[in-house]
Amino acid sequence: FLDDKNGMKGKRKLLLQLLTTSVIVGYARNYHSVEIFGHTIDLGHLFF
């Protein structure tokens, strides 16, 4: 919204995006794998 209204520098926007998505992904900490077309891929520590 603030970017639409006033414009926002890319670095600031990226930092806010990284911080907030870290909270979301942080609550998925029990997940370490993804399933694609029936195949499970273990990502381990690369998940985050």
ModelCIF file with pLDDT and N, C-alpha, C, O atoms, coordinates in Angstrom:
data_MODEL
#
_entry.id   MODEL 
#
_entity.id                         1 
_entity.type                       polymer 
_entity.pdbx_number_of_molecules   1 
#
_entity_poly.entity_id                      1 
_entity_poly.type                           'polypeptide(L)' 
_entity_poly.nstd_linkage                   no 
_entity_poly.nstd_monomer                   no 
_entity_poly.pdbx_seq_one_letter_code       FLDDKNGMKGKRKLLLQLLTTSVIVGYARNYHSVEIFGHTIDLGHLFF 
_entity_poly.pdbx_seq_one_letter_code_can   FLDDKNGMKGKRKLLLQLLTTSVIVGYARNYHSVEIFGHTIDLGHLFF 
_entity_poly.pdbx_strand_id                 A 
#
loop_
_entity_poly_seq.entity_id 
_entity_poly_seq.num 
_entity_poly_seq.mon_id 
_entity_poly_seq.hetero 
1 1  PHE n 
1 2  LEU n 
1 3  ASP n 
1 4  ASP n 
1 5  LYS n 
1 6  ASN n 
1 7  GLY n 
1 8  MET n 
1 9  LYS n 
1 10 GLY n 
1 11 LYS n 
1 12 ARG n 
1 13 LYS n 
1 14 LEU n 
1 15 LEU n 
1 16 LEU n 
1 17 GLN n 
1 18 LEU n 
1 19 LEU n 
1 20 THR n 
1 21 THR n 
1 22 SER n 
1 23 VAL n 
1 24 ILE n 
1 25 VAL n 
1 26 GLY n 
1 27 TYR n 
1 28 ALA n 
1 29 ARG n 
1 30 ASN n 
1 31 TYR n 
1 32 HIS n 
1 33 SER n 
1 34 VAL n 
1 35 GLU n 
1 36 ILE n 
1 37 PHE n 
1 38 GLY n 
1 39 HIS n 
1 40 THR n 
1 41 ILE n 
1 42 ASP n 
1 43 LEU n 
1 44 GLY n 
1 45 HIS n 
1 46 LEU n 
1 47 PHE n 
1 48 PHE n 
#
_struct_asym.id          A 
_struct_asym.entity_id   1 
#
loop_
_ma_qa_metric.id 
_ma_qa_metric.mode 
_ma_qa_metric.name 
_ma_qa_metric.software_group_id 
_ma_qa_metric.type 
1 global pLDDT . pLDDT 
2 local  pLDDT . pLDDT 
#
_ma_qa_metric_global.metric_id      1 
_ma_qa_metric_global.metric_value   84.40 
_ma_qa_metric_global.model_id       1 
_ma_qa_metric_global.ordinal_id     1 
#
loop_
_ma_qa_metric_local.label_asym_id 
_ma_qa_metric_local.label_comp_id 
_ma_qa_metric_local.label_seq_id 
_ma_qa_metric_local.metric_id 
_ma_qa_metric_local.metric_value 
_ma_qa_metric_local.model_id 
_ma_qa_metric_local.ordinal_id 
A PHE 1  2 83.00 1 1  
A LEU 2  2 85.00 1 2  
A ASP 3  2 82.00 1 3  
A ASP 4  2 76.00 1 4  
A LYS 5  2 75.00 1 5  
A ASN 6  2 79.00 1 6  
A GLY 7  2 78.00 1 7  
A MET 8  2 82.00 1 8  
A LYS 9  2 88.00 1 9  
A GLY 10 2 85.00 1 10 
A LYS 11 2 91.00 1 11 
A ARG 12 2 91.00 1 12 
A LYS 13 2 91.00 1 13 
A LEU 14 2 91.00 1 14 
A LEU 15 2 92.00 1 15 
A LEU 16 2 91.00 1 16 
A GLN 17 2 92.00 1 17 
A LEU 18 2 93.00 1 18 
A LEU 19 2 91.00 1 19 
A THR 20 2 91.00 1 20 
A THR 21 2 91.00 1 21 
A SER 22 2 90.00 1 22 
A VAL 23 2 86.00 1 23 
A ILE 24 2 85.00 1 24 
A VAL 25 2 86.00 1 25 
A GLY 26 2 83.00 1 26 
A TYR 27 2 78.00 1 27 
A ALA 28 2 68.00 1 28 
A ARG 29 2 66.00 1 29 
A ASN 30 2 69.00 1 30 
A TYR 31 2 74.00 1 31 
A HIS 32 2 79.00 1 32 
A SER 33 2 79.00 1 33 
A VAL 34 2 80.00 1 34 
A GLU 35 2 83.00 1 35 
A ILE 36 2 86.00 1 36 
A PHE 37 2 89.00 1 37 
A GLY 38 2 87.00 1 38 
A HIS 39 2 88.00 1 39 
A THR 40 2 88.00 1 40 
A ILE 41 2 87.00 1 41 
A ASP 42 2 88.00 1 42 
A LEU 43 2 84.00 1 43 
A GLY 44 2 85.00 1 44 
A HIS 45 2 83.00 1 45 
A LEU 46 2 87.00 1 46 
A PHE 47 2 87.00 1 47 
A PHE 48 2 88.00 1 48 
#
loop_
_atom_site.group_PDB 
_atom_site.id 
_atom_site.type_symbol 
_atom_site.label_atom_id 
_atom_site.label_alt_id 
_atom_site.label_comp_id 
_atom_site.label_asym_id 
_atom_site.label_entity_id 
_atom_site.label_seq_id 
_atom_site.pdbx_PDB_ins_code 
_atom_site.Cartn_x 
_atom_site.Cartn_y 
_atom_site.Cartn_z 
_atom_site.occupancy 
_atom_site.B_iso_or_equiv 
_atom_site.pdbx_formal_charge 
_atom_site.auth_seq_id 
_atom_site.auth_comp_id 
_atom_site.auth_asym_id 
_atom_site.auth_atom_id 
_atom_site.pdbx_PDB_model_num 
ATOM 1   N N  . PHE A 1 1  ? 0.831  -1.207  0.000  1.00 83.00 ? 1  PHE A N  1 
ATOM 2   C CA . PHE A 1 1  ? 0.000  0.000   0.000  1.00 83.00 ? 1  PHE A CA 1 
ATOM 3   C C  . PHE A 1 1  ? 0.864  1.255   0.000  1.00 83.00 ? 1  PHE A C  1 
ATOM 4   O O  . PHE A 1 1  ? 0.637  2.177   -0.783 1.00 83.00 ? 1  PHE A O  1 
ATOM 5   N N  . LEU A 1 2  ? 1.864  1.281   0.892  1.00 85.00 ? 2  LEU A N  1 
ATOM 6   C CA . LEU A 1 2  ? 2.741  2.456   0.962  1.00 85.00 ? 2  LEU A CA 1 
ATOM 7   C C  . LEU A 1 2  ? 3.556  2.615   -0.321 1.00 85.00 ? 2  LEU A C  1 
ATOM 8   O O  . LEU A 1 2  ? 3.824  3.736   -0.755 1.00 85.00 ? 2  LEU A O  1 
ATOM 9   N N  . ASP A 1 3  ? 3.944  1.501   -0.923 1.00 82.00 ? 3  ASP A N  1 
ATOM 10  C CA . ASP A 1 3  ? 4.659  1.566   -2.196 1.00 82.00 ? 3  ASP A CA 1 
ATOM 11  C C  . ASP A 1 3  ? 3.751  2.126   -3.284 1.00 82.00 ? 3  ASP A C  1 
ATOM 12  O O  . ASP A 1 3  ? 4.181  2.957   -4.083 1.00 82.00 ? 3  ASP A O  1 
ATOM 13  N N  . ASP A 1 4  ? 2.490  1.674   -3.323 1.00 76.00 ? 4  ASP A N  1 
ATOM 14  C CA . ASP A 1 4  ? 1.535  2.204   -4.304 1.00 76.00 ? 4  ASP A CA 1 
ATOM 15  C C  . ASP A 1 4  ? 1.290  3.694   -4.085 1.00 76.00 ? 4  ASP A C  1 
ATOM 16  O O  . ASP A 1 4  ? 1.213  4.467   -5.041 1.00 76.00 ? 4  ASP A O  1 
ATOM 17  N N  . LYS A 1 5  ? 1.168  4.085   -2.830 1.00 75.00 ? 5  LYS A N  1 
ATOM 18  C CA . LYS A 1 5  ? 0.805  5.467   -2.500 1.00 75.00 ? 5  LYS A CA 1 
ATOM 19  C C  . LYS A 1 5  ? 1.972  6.431   -2.685 1.00 75.00 ? 5  LYS A C  1 
ATOM 20  O O  . LYS A 1 5  ? 1.819  7.472   -3.324 1.00 75.00 ? 5  LYS A O  1 
ATOM 21  N N  . ASN A 1 6  ? 3.122  6.098   -2.139 1.00 79.00 ? 6  ASN A N  1 
ATOM 22  C CA . ASN A 1 6  ? 4.242  7.042   -2.100 1.00 79.00 ? 6  ASN A CA 1 
ATOM 23  C C  . ASN A 1 6  ? 5.458  6.586   -2.890 1.00 79.00 ? 6  ASN A C  1 
ATOM 24  O O  . ASN A 1 6  ? 6.361  7.380   -3.152 1.00 79.00 ? 6  ASN A O  1 
ATOM 25  N N  . GLY A 1 7  ? 5.488  5.343   -3.261 1.00 78.00 ? 7  GLY A N  1 
ATOM 26  C CA . GLY A 1 7  ? 6.711  4.789   -3.841 1.00 78.00 ? 7  GLY A CA 1 
ATOM 27  C C  . GLY A 1 7  ? 7.645  4.425   -2.695 1.00 78.00 ? 7  GLY A C  1 
ATOM 28  O O  . GLY A 1 7  ? 7.671  5.108   -1.672 1.00 78.00 ? 7  GLY A O  1 
ATOM 29  N N  . MET A 1 8  ? 8.392  3.381   -2.859 1.00 82.00 ? 8  MET A N  1 
ATOM 30  C CA . MET A 1 8  ? 9.294  2.941   -1.801 1.00 82.00 ? 8  MET A CA 1 
ATOM 31  C C  . MET A 1 8  ? 10.572 2.437   -2.452 1.00 82.00 ? 8  MET A C  1 
ATOM 32  O O  . MET A 1 8  ? 10.529 1.772   -3.488 1.00 82.00 ? 8  MET A O  1 
ATOM 33  N N  . LYS A 1 9  ? 11.695 2.751   -1.850 1.00 88.00 ? 9  LYS A N  1 
ATOM 34  C CA . LYS A 1 9  ? 12.974 2.276   -2.387 1.00 88.00 ? 9  LYS A CA 1 
ATOM 35  C C  . LYS A 1 9  ? 13.022 0.755   -2.330 1.00 88.00 ? 9  LYS A C  1 
ATOM 36  O O  . LYS A 1 9  ? 12.531 0.137   -1.386 1.00 88.00 ? 9  LYS A O  1 
ATOM 37  N N  . GLY A 1 10 ? 13.617 0.171   -3.349 1.00 85.00 ? 10 GLY A N  1 
ATOM 38  C CA . GLY A 1 10 ? 13.666 -1.277  -3.478 1.00 85.00 ? 10 GLY A CA 1 
ATOM 39  C C  . GLY A 1 10 ? 14.301 -1.983  -2.300 1.00 85.00 ? 10 GLY A C  1 
ATOM 40  O O  . GLY A 1 10 ? 13.803 -3.021  -1.864 1.00 85.00 ? 10 GLY A O  1 
ATOM 41  N N  . LYS A 1 11 ? 15.407 -1.436  -1.768 1.00 91.00 ? 11 LYS A N  1 
ATOM 42  C CA . LYS A 1 11 ? 16.096 -2.087  -0.647 1.00 91.00 ? 11 LYS A CA 1 
ATOM 43  C C  . LYS A 1 11 ? 15.211 -2.124  0.597  1.00 91.00 ? 11 LYS A C  1 
ATOM 44  O O  . LYS A 1 11 ? 15.168 -3.135  1.298  1.00 91.00 ? 11 LYS A O  1 
ATOM 45  N N  . ARG A 1 12 ? 14.512 -1.039  0.872  1.00 91.00 ? 12 ARG A N  1 
ATOM 46  C CA . ARG A 1 12 ? 13.640 -0.983  2.048  1.00 91.00 ? 12 ARG A CA 1 
ATOM 47  C C  . ARG A 1 12 ? 12.480 -1.973  1.888  1.00 91.00 ? 12 ARG A C  1 
ATOM 48  O O  . ARG A 1 12 ? 12.122 -2.687  2.824  1.00 91.00 ? 12 ARG A O  1 
ATOM 49  N N  . LYS A 1 13 ? 11.909 -1.998  0.694  1.00 91.00 ? 13 LYS A N  1 
ATOM 50  C CA . LYS A 1 13 ? 10.797 -2.907  0.427  1.00 91.00 ? 13 LYS A CA 1 
ATOM 51  C C  . LYS A 1 13 ? 11.268 -4.365  0.565  1.00 91.00 ? 13 LYS A C  1 
ATOM 52  O O  . LYS A 1 13 ? 10.579 -5.185  1.171  1.00 91.00 ? 13 LYS A O  1 
ATOM 53  N N  . LEU A 1 14 ? 12.422 -4.677  0.011  1.00 91.00 ? 14 LEU A N  1 
ATOM 54  C CA . LEU A 1 14 ? 12.962 -6.040  0.101  1.00 91.00 ? 14 LEU A CA 1 
ATOM 55  C C  . LEU A 1 14 ? 13.239 -6.425  1.548  1.00 91.00 ? 14 LEU A C  1 
ATOM 56  O O  . LEU A 1 14 ? 12.955 -7.553  1.950  1.00 91.00 ? 14 LEU A O  1 
ATOM 57  N N  . LEU A 1 15 ? 13.784 -5.513  2.328  1.00 92.00 ? 15 LEU A N  1 
ATOM 58  C CA . LEU A 1 15 ? 14.060 -5.791  3.737  1.00 92.00 ? 15 LEU A CA 1 
ATOM 59  C C  . LEU A 1 15 ? 12.766 -6.090  4.494  1.00 92.00 ? 15 LEU A C  1 
ATOM 60  O O  . LEU A 1 15 ? 12.705 -7.058  5.251  1.00 92.00 ? 15 LEU A O  1 
ATOM 61  N N  . LEU A 1 16 ? 11.735 -5.272  4.300  1.00 91.00 ? 16 LEU A N  1 
ATOM 62  C CA . LEU A 1 16 ? 10.448 -5.523  4.951  1.00 91.00 ? 16 LEU A CA 1 
ATOM 63  C C  . LEU A 1 16 ? 9.859  -6.866  4.516  1.00 91.00 ? 16 LEU A C  1 
ATOM 64  O O  . LEU A 1 16 ? 9.310  -7.605  5.333  1.00 91.00 ? 16 LEU A O  1 
ATOM 65  N N  . GLN A 1 17 ? 9.979  -7.173  3.228  1.00 92.00 ? 17 GLN A N  1 
ATOM 66  C CA . GLN A 1 17 ? 9.465  -8.449  2.724  1.00 92.00 ? 17 GLN A CA 1 
ATOM 67  C C  . GLN A 1 17 ? 10.213 -9.623  3.361  1.00 92.00 ? 17 GLN A C  1 
ATOM 68  O O  . GLN A 1 17 ? 9.593  -10.608 3.765  1.00 92.00 ? 17 GLN A O  1 
ATOM 69  N N  . LEU A 1 18 ? 11.524 -9.523  3.450  1.00 93.00 ? 18 LEU A N  1 
ATOM 70  C CA . LEU A 1 18 ? 12.316 -10.603 4.049  1.00 93.00 ? 18 LEU A CA 1 
ATOM 71  C C  . LEU A 1 18 ? 11.996 -10.786 5.533  1.00 93.00 ? 18 LEU A C  1 
ATOM 72  O O  . LEU A 1 18 ? 11.877 -11.915 6.009  1.00 93.00 ? 18 LEU A O  1 
ATOM 73  N N  . LEU A 1 19 ? 11.859 -9.687  6.255  1.00 91.00 ? 19 LEU A N  1 
ATOM 74  C CA . LEU A 1 19 ? 11.555 -9.778  7.685  1.00 91.00 ? 19 LEU A CA 1 
ATOM 75  C C  . LEU A 1 19 ? 10.185 -10.400 7.925  1.00 91.00 ? 19 LEU A C  1 
ATOM 76  O O  . LEU A 1 19 ? 10.035 -11.272 8.781  1.00 91.00 ? 19 LEU A O  1 
ATOM 77  N N  . THR A 1 20 ? 9.198  -9.956  7.177  1.00 91.00 ? 20 THR A N  1 
ATOM 78  C CA . THR A 1 20 ? 7.844  -10.463 7.421  1.00 91.00 ? 20 THR A CA 1 
ATOM 79  C C  . THR A 1 20 ? 7.661  -11.894 6.915  1.00 91.00 ? 20 THR A C  1 
ATOM 80  O O  . THR A 1 20 ? 6.973  -12.686 7.558  1.00 91.00 ? 20 THR A O  1 
ATOM 81  N N  . THR A 1 21 ? 8.257  -12.233 5.789  1.00 91.00 ? 21 THR A N  1 
ATOM 82  C CA . THR A 1 21 ? 8.145  -13.618 5.332  1.00 91.00 ? 21 THR A CA 1 
ATOM 83  C C  . THR A 1 21 ? 8.941  -14.548 6.239  1.00 91.00 ? 21 THR A C  1 
ATOM 84  O O  . THR A 1 21 ? 8.630  -15.737 6.321  1.00 91.00 ? 21 THR A O  1 
ATOM 85  N N  . SER A 1 22 ? 9.962  -14.033 6.924  1.00 90.00 ? 22 SER A N  1 
ATOM 86  C CA . SER A 1 22 ? 10.706 -14.848 7.896  1.00 90.00 ? 22 SER A CA 1 
ATOM 87  C C  . SER A 1 22 ? 9.791  -15.297 9.032  1.00 90.00 ? 22 SER A C  1 
ATOM 88  O O  . SER A 1 22 ? 9.903  -16.423 9.518  1.00 90.00 ? 22 SER A O  1 
ATOM 89  N N  . VAL A 1 23 ? 8.890  -14.417 9.451  1.00 86.00 ? 23 VAL A N  1 
ATOM 90  C CA . VAL A 1 23 ? 7.926  -14.789 10.500 1.00 86.00 ? 23 VAL A CA 1 
ATOM 91  C C  . VAL A 1 23 ? 7.027  -15.913 9.996  1.00 86.00 ? 23 VAL A C  1 
ATOM 92  O O  . VAL A 1 23 ? 6.793  -16.899 10.696 1.00 86.00 ? 23 VAL A O  1 
ATOM 93  N N  . ILE A 1 24 ? 6.529  -15.753 8.777  1.00 85.00 ? 24 ILE A N  1 
ATOM 94  C CA . ILE A 1 24 ? 5.627  -16.759 8.210  1.00 85.00 ? 24 ILE A CA 1 
ATOM 95  C C  . ILE A 1 24 ? 6.347  -18.095 8.050  1.00 85.00 ? 24 ILE A C  1 
ATOM 96  O O  . ILE A 1 24 ? 5.828  -19.132 8.464  1.00 85.00 ? 24 ILE A O  1 
ATOM 97  N N  . VAL A 1 25 ? 7.524  -18.077 7.459  1.00 86.00 ? 25 VAL A N  1 
ATOM 98  C CA . VAL A 1 25 ? 8.274  -19.317 7.233  1.00 86.00 ? 25 VAL A CA 1 
ATOM 99  C C  . VAL A 1 25 ? 8.760  -19.889 8.567  1.00 86.00 ? 25 VAL A C  1 
ATOM 100 O O  . VAL A 1 25 ? 8.860  -21.107 8.718  1.00 86.00 ? 25 VAL A O  1 
ATOM 101 N N  . GLY A 1 26 ? 9.058  -19.024 9.528  1.00 83.00 ? 26 GLY A N  1 
ATOM 102 C CA . GLY A 1 26 ? 9.496  -19.487 10.835 1.00 83.00 ? 26 GLY A CA 1 
ATOM 103 C C  . GLY A 1 26 ? 8.467  -20.375 11.515 1.00 83.00 ? 26 GLY A C  1 
ATOM 104 O O  . GLY A 1 26 ? 8.831  -21.282 12.264 1.00 83.00 ? 26 GLY A O  1 
ATOM 105 N N  . TYR A 1 27 ? 7.189  -20.127 11.266 1.00 78.00 ? 27 TYR A N  1 
ATOM 106 C CA . TYR A 1 27 ? 6.150  -20.969 11.849 1.00 78.00 ? 27 TYR A CA 1 
ATOM 107 C C  . TYR A 1 27 ? 5.957  -22.265 11.091 1.00 78.00 ? 27 TYR A C  1 
ATOM 108 O O  . TYR A 1 27 ? 5.169  -23.117 11.501 1.00 78.00 ? 27 TYR A O  1 
ATOM 109 N N  . ALA A 1 28 ? 6.667  -22.420 9.991  1.00 68.00 ? 28 ALA A N  1 
ATOM 110 C CA . ALA A 1 28 ? 6.635  -23.676 9.239  1.00 68.00 ? 28 ALA A CA 1 
ATOM 111 C C  . ALA A 1 28 ? 7.875  -24.500 9.558  1.00 68.00 ? 28 ALA A C  1 
ATOM 112 O O  . ALA A 1 28 ? 8.268  -25.357 8.767  1.00 68.00 ? 28 ALA A O  1 
ATOM 113 N N  . ARG A 1 29 ? 8.494  -24.252 10.703 1.00 66.00 ? 29 ARG A N  1 
ATOM 114 C CA . ARG A 1 29 ? 9.784  -24.871 11.016 1.00 66.00 ? 29 ARG A CA 1 
ATOM 115 C C  . ARG A 1 29 ? 9.721  -26.389 11.131 1.00 66.00 ? 29 ARG A C  1 
ATOM 116 O O  . ARG A 1 29 ? 10.762 -27.044 11.102 1.00 66.00 ? 29 ARG A O  1 
ATOM 117 N N  . ASN A 1 30 ? 8.558  -26.950 11.258 1.00 69.00 ? 30 ASN A N  1 
ATOM 118 C CA . ASN A 1 30 ? 8.447  -28.405 11.320 1.00 69.00 ? 30 ASN A CA 1 
ATOM 119 C C  . ASN A 1 30 ? 8.490  -29.045 9.940  1.00 69.00 ? 30 ASN A C  1 
ATOM 120 O O  . ASN A 1 30 ? 8.537  -30.269 9.823  1.00 69.00 ? 30 ASN A O  1 
ATOM 121 N N  . TYR A 1 31 ? 8.476  -28.242 8.920  1.00 74.00 ? 31 TYR A N  1 
ATOM 122 C CA . TYR A 1 31 ? 8.500  -28.766 7.559  1.00 74.00 ? 31 TYR A CA 1 
ATOM 123 C C  . TYR A 1 31 ? 9.930  -28.745 7.033  1.00 74.00 ? 31 TYR A C  1 
ATOM 124 O O  . TYR A 1 31 ? 10.658 -27.768 7.204  1.00 74.00 ? 31 TYR A O  1 
ATOM 125 N N  . HIS A 1 32 ? 10.311 -29.827 6.399  1.00 79.00 ? 32 HIS A N  1 
ATOM 126 C CA . HIS A 1 32 ? 11.652 -29.911 5.840  1.00 79.00 ? 32 HIS A CA 1 
ATOM 127 C C  . HIS A 1 32 ? 11.642 -30.534 4.454  1.00 79.00 ? 32 HIS A C  1 
ATOM 128 O O  . HIS A 1 32 ? 12.691 -30.779 3.859  1.00 79.00 ? 32 HIS A O  1 
ATOM 129 N N  . SER A 1 33 ? 10.435 -30.787 3.950  1.00 79.00 ? 33 SER A N  1 
ATOM 130 C CA . SER A 1 33 ? 10.358 -31.427 2.636  1.00 79.00 ? 33 SER A CA 1 
ATOM 131 C C  . SER A 1 33 ? 9.180  -30.854 1.859  1.00 79.00 ? 33 SER A C  1 
ATOM 132 O O  . SER A 1 33 ? 8.270  -30.255 2.433  1.00 79.00 ? 33 SER A O  1 
ATOM 133 N N  . VAL A 1 34 ? 9.211  -31.043 0.567  1.00 80.00 ? 34 VAL A N  1 
ATOM 134 C CA . VAL A 1 34 ? 8.106  -30.655 -0.310 1.00 80.00 ? 34 VAL A CA 1 
ATOM 135 C C  . VAL A 1 34 ? 7.746  -31.865 -1.156 1.00 80.00 ? 34 VAL A C  1 
ATOM 136 O O  . VAL A 1 34 ? 8.582  -32.727 -1.427 1.00 80.00 ? 34 VAL A O  1 
ATOM 137 N N  . GLU A 1 35 ? 6.501  -31.910 -1.563 1.00 83.00 ? 35 GLU A N  1 
ATOM 138 C CA . GLU A 1 35 ? 6.065  -32.991 -2.427 1.00 83.00 ? 35 GLU A CA 1 
ATOM 139 C C  . GLU A 1 35 ? 5.683  -32.404 -3.783 1.00 83.00 ? 35 GLU A C  1 
ATOM 140 O O  . GLU A 1 35 ? 4.840  -31.511 -3.874 1.00 83.00 ? 35 GLU A O  1 
ATOM 141 N N  . ILE A 1 36 ? 6.307  -32.914 -4.817 1.00 86.00 ? 36 ILE A N  1 
ATOM 142 C CA . ILE A 1 36 ? 6.054  -32.447 -6.181 1.00 86.00 ? 36 ILE A CA 1 
ATOM 143 C C  . ILE A 1 36 ? 5.716  -33.662 -7.034 1.00 86.00 ? 36 ILE A C  1 
ATOM 144 O O  . ILE A 1 36 ? 6.526  -34.577 -7.182 1.00 86.00 ? 36 ILE A O  1 
ATOM 145 N N  . PHE A 1 37 ? 4.520  -33.658 -7.587 1.00 89.00 ? 37 PHE A N  1 
ATOM 146 C CA . PHE A 1 37 ? 4.045  -34.742 -8.450 1.00 89.00 ? 37 PHE A CA 1 
ATOM 147 C C  . PHE A 1 37 ? 4.229  -36.114 -7.801 1.00 89.00 ? 37 PHE A C  1 
ATOM 148 O O  . PHE A 1 37 ? 4.641  -37.073 -8.452 1.00 89.00 ? 37 PHE A O  1 
ATOM 149 N N  . GLY A 1 38 ? 3.914  -36.187 -6.504 1.00 87.00 ? 38 GLY A N  1 
ATOM 150 C CA . GLY A 1 38 ? 3.988  -37.460 -5.803 1.00 87.00 ? 38 GLY A CA 1 
ATOM 151 C C  . GLY A 1 38 ? 5.364  -37.848 -5.295 1.00 87.00 ? 38 GLY A C  1 
ATOM 152 O O  . GLY A 1 38 ? 5.511  -38.889 -4.654 1.00 87.00 ? 38 GLY A O  1 
ATOM 153 N N  . HIS A 1 39 ? 6.367  -37.039 -5.564 1.00 88.00 ? 39 HIS A N  1 
ATOM 154 C CA . HIS A 1 39 ? 7.731  -37.320 -5.100 1.00 88.00 ? 39 HIS A CA 1 
ATOM 155 C C  . HIS A 1 39 ? 8.084  -36.363 -3.963 1.00 88.00 ? 39 HIS A C  1 
ATOM 156 O O  . HIS A 1 39 ? 7.927  -35.149 -4.087 1.00 88.00 ? 39 HIS A O  1 
ATOM 157 N N  . THR A 1 40 ? 8.556  -36.920 -2.871 1.00 88.00 ? 40 THR A N  1 
ATOM 158 C CA . THR A 1 40 ? 8.944  -36.100 -1.729 1.00 88.00 ? 40 THR A CA 1 
ATOM 159 C C  . THR A 1 40 ? 10.419 -35.744 -1.850 1.00 88.00 ? 40 THR A C  1 
ATOM 160 O O  . THR A 1 40 ? 11.269 -36.608 -2.063 1.00 88.00 ? 40 THR A O  1 
ATOM 161 N N  . ILE A 1 41 ? 10.702 -34.457 -1.710 1.00 87.00 ? 41 ILE A N  1 
ATOM 162 C CA . ILE A 1 41 ? 12.080 -33.973 -1.764 1.00 87.00 ? 41 ILE A CA 1 
ATOM 163 C C  . ILE A 1 41 ? 12.424 -33.415 -0.386 1.00 87.00 ? 41 ILE A C  1 
ATOM 164 O O  . ILE A 1 41 ? 11.811 -32.450 0.071  1.00 87.00 ? 41 ILE A O  1 
ATOM 165 N N  . ASP A 1 42 ? 13.398 -34.021 0.265  1.00 88.00 ? 42 ASP A N  1 
ATOM 166 C CA . ASP A 1 42 ? 13.825 -33.565 1.582  1.00 88.00 ? 42 ASP A CA 1 
ATOM 167 C C  . ASP A 1 42 ? 14.776 -32.381 1.398  1.00 88.00 ? 42 ASP A C  1 
ATOM 168 O O  . ASP A 1 42 ? 15.825 -32.508 0.766  1.00 88.00 ? 42 ASP A O  1 
ATOM 169 N N  . LEU A 1 43 ? 14.399 -31.235 1.956  1.00 84.00 ? 43 LEU A N  1 
ATOM 170 C CA . LEU A 1 43 ? 15.213 -30.024 1.821  1.00 84.00 ? 43 LEU A CA 1 
ATOM 171 C C  . LEU A 1 43 ? 16.110 -29.790 3.035  1.00 84.00 ? 43 LEU A C  1 
ATOM 172 O O  . LEU A 1 43 ? 17.077 -29.032 2.963  1.00 84.00 ? 43 LEU A O  1 
ATOM 173 N N  . GLY A 1 44 ? 15.786 -30.437 4.134  1.00 85.00 ? 44 GLY A N  1 
ATOM 174 C CA . GLY A 1 44 ? 16.599 -30.273 5.337  1.00 85.00 ? 44 GLY A CA 1 
ATOM 175 C C  . GLY A 1 44 ? 16.689 -28.812 5.759  1.00 85.00 ? 44 GLY A C  1 
ATOM 176 O O  . GLY A 1 44 ? 15.677 -28.118 5.860  1.00 85.00 ? 44 GLY A O  1 
ATOM 177 N N  . HIS A 1 45 ? 17.905 -28.359 6.003  1.00 83.00 ? 45 HIS A N  1 
ATOM 178 C CA . HIS A 1 45 ? 18.125 -26.982 6.456  1.00 83.00 ? 45 HIS A CA 1 
ATOM 179 C C  . HIS A 1 45 ? 17.939 -25.962 5.338  1.00 83.00 ? 45 HIS A C  1 
ATOM 180 O O  . HIS A 1 45 ? 17.898 -24.762 5.609  1.00 83.00 ? 45 HIS A O  1 
ATOM 181 N N  . LEU A 1 46 ? 17.827 -26.403 4.104  1.00 87.00 ? 46 LEU A N  1 
ATOM 182 C CA . LEU A 1 46 ? 17.604 -25.473 2.983  1.00 87.00 ? 46 LEU A CA 1 
ATOM 183 C C  . LEU A 1 46 ? 16.157 -25.016 2.895  1.00 87.00 ? 46 LEU A C  1 
ATOM 184 O O  . LEU A 1 46 ? 15.840 -24.096 2.141  1.00 87.00 ? 46 LEU A O  1 
ATOM 185 N N  . PHE A 1 47 ? 15.261 -25.663 3.676  1.00 87.00 ? 47 PHE A N  1 
ATOM 186 C CA . PHE A 1 47 ? 13.846 -25.296 3.599  1.00 87.00 ? 47 PHE A CA 1 
ATOM 187 C C  . PHE A 1 47 ? 13.637 -23.813 3.860  1.00 87.00 ? 47 PHE A C  1 
ATOM 188 O O  . PHE A 1 47 ? 12.964 -23.137 3.082  1.00 87.00 ? 47 PHE A O  1 
ATOM 189 N N  . PHE A 1 48 ? 14.210 -23.297 4.948  1.00 88.00 ? 48 PHE A N  1 
ATOM 190 C CA . PHE A 1 48 ? 13.974 -21.900 5.337  1.00 88.00 ? 48 PHE A CA 1 
ATOM 191 C C  . PHE A 1 48 ? 14.426 -20.921 4.246  1.00 88.00 ? 48 PHE A C  1 
ATOM 192 O O  . PHE A 1 48 ? 14.299 -19.708 4.413  1.00 88.00 ? 48 PHE A O  1 
#
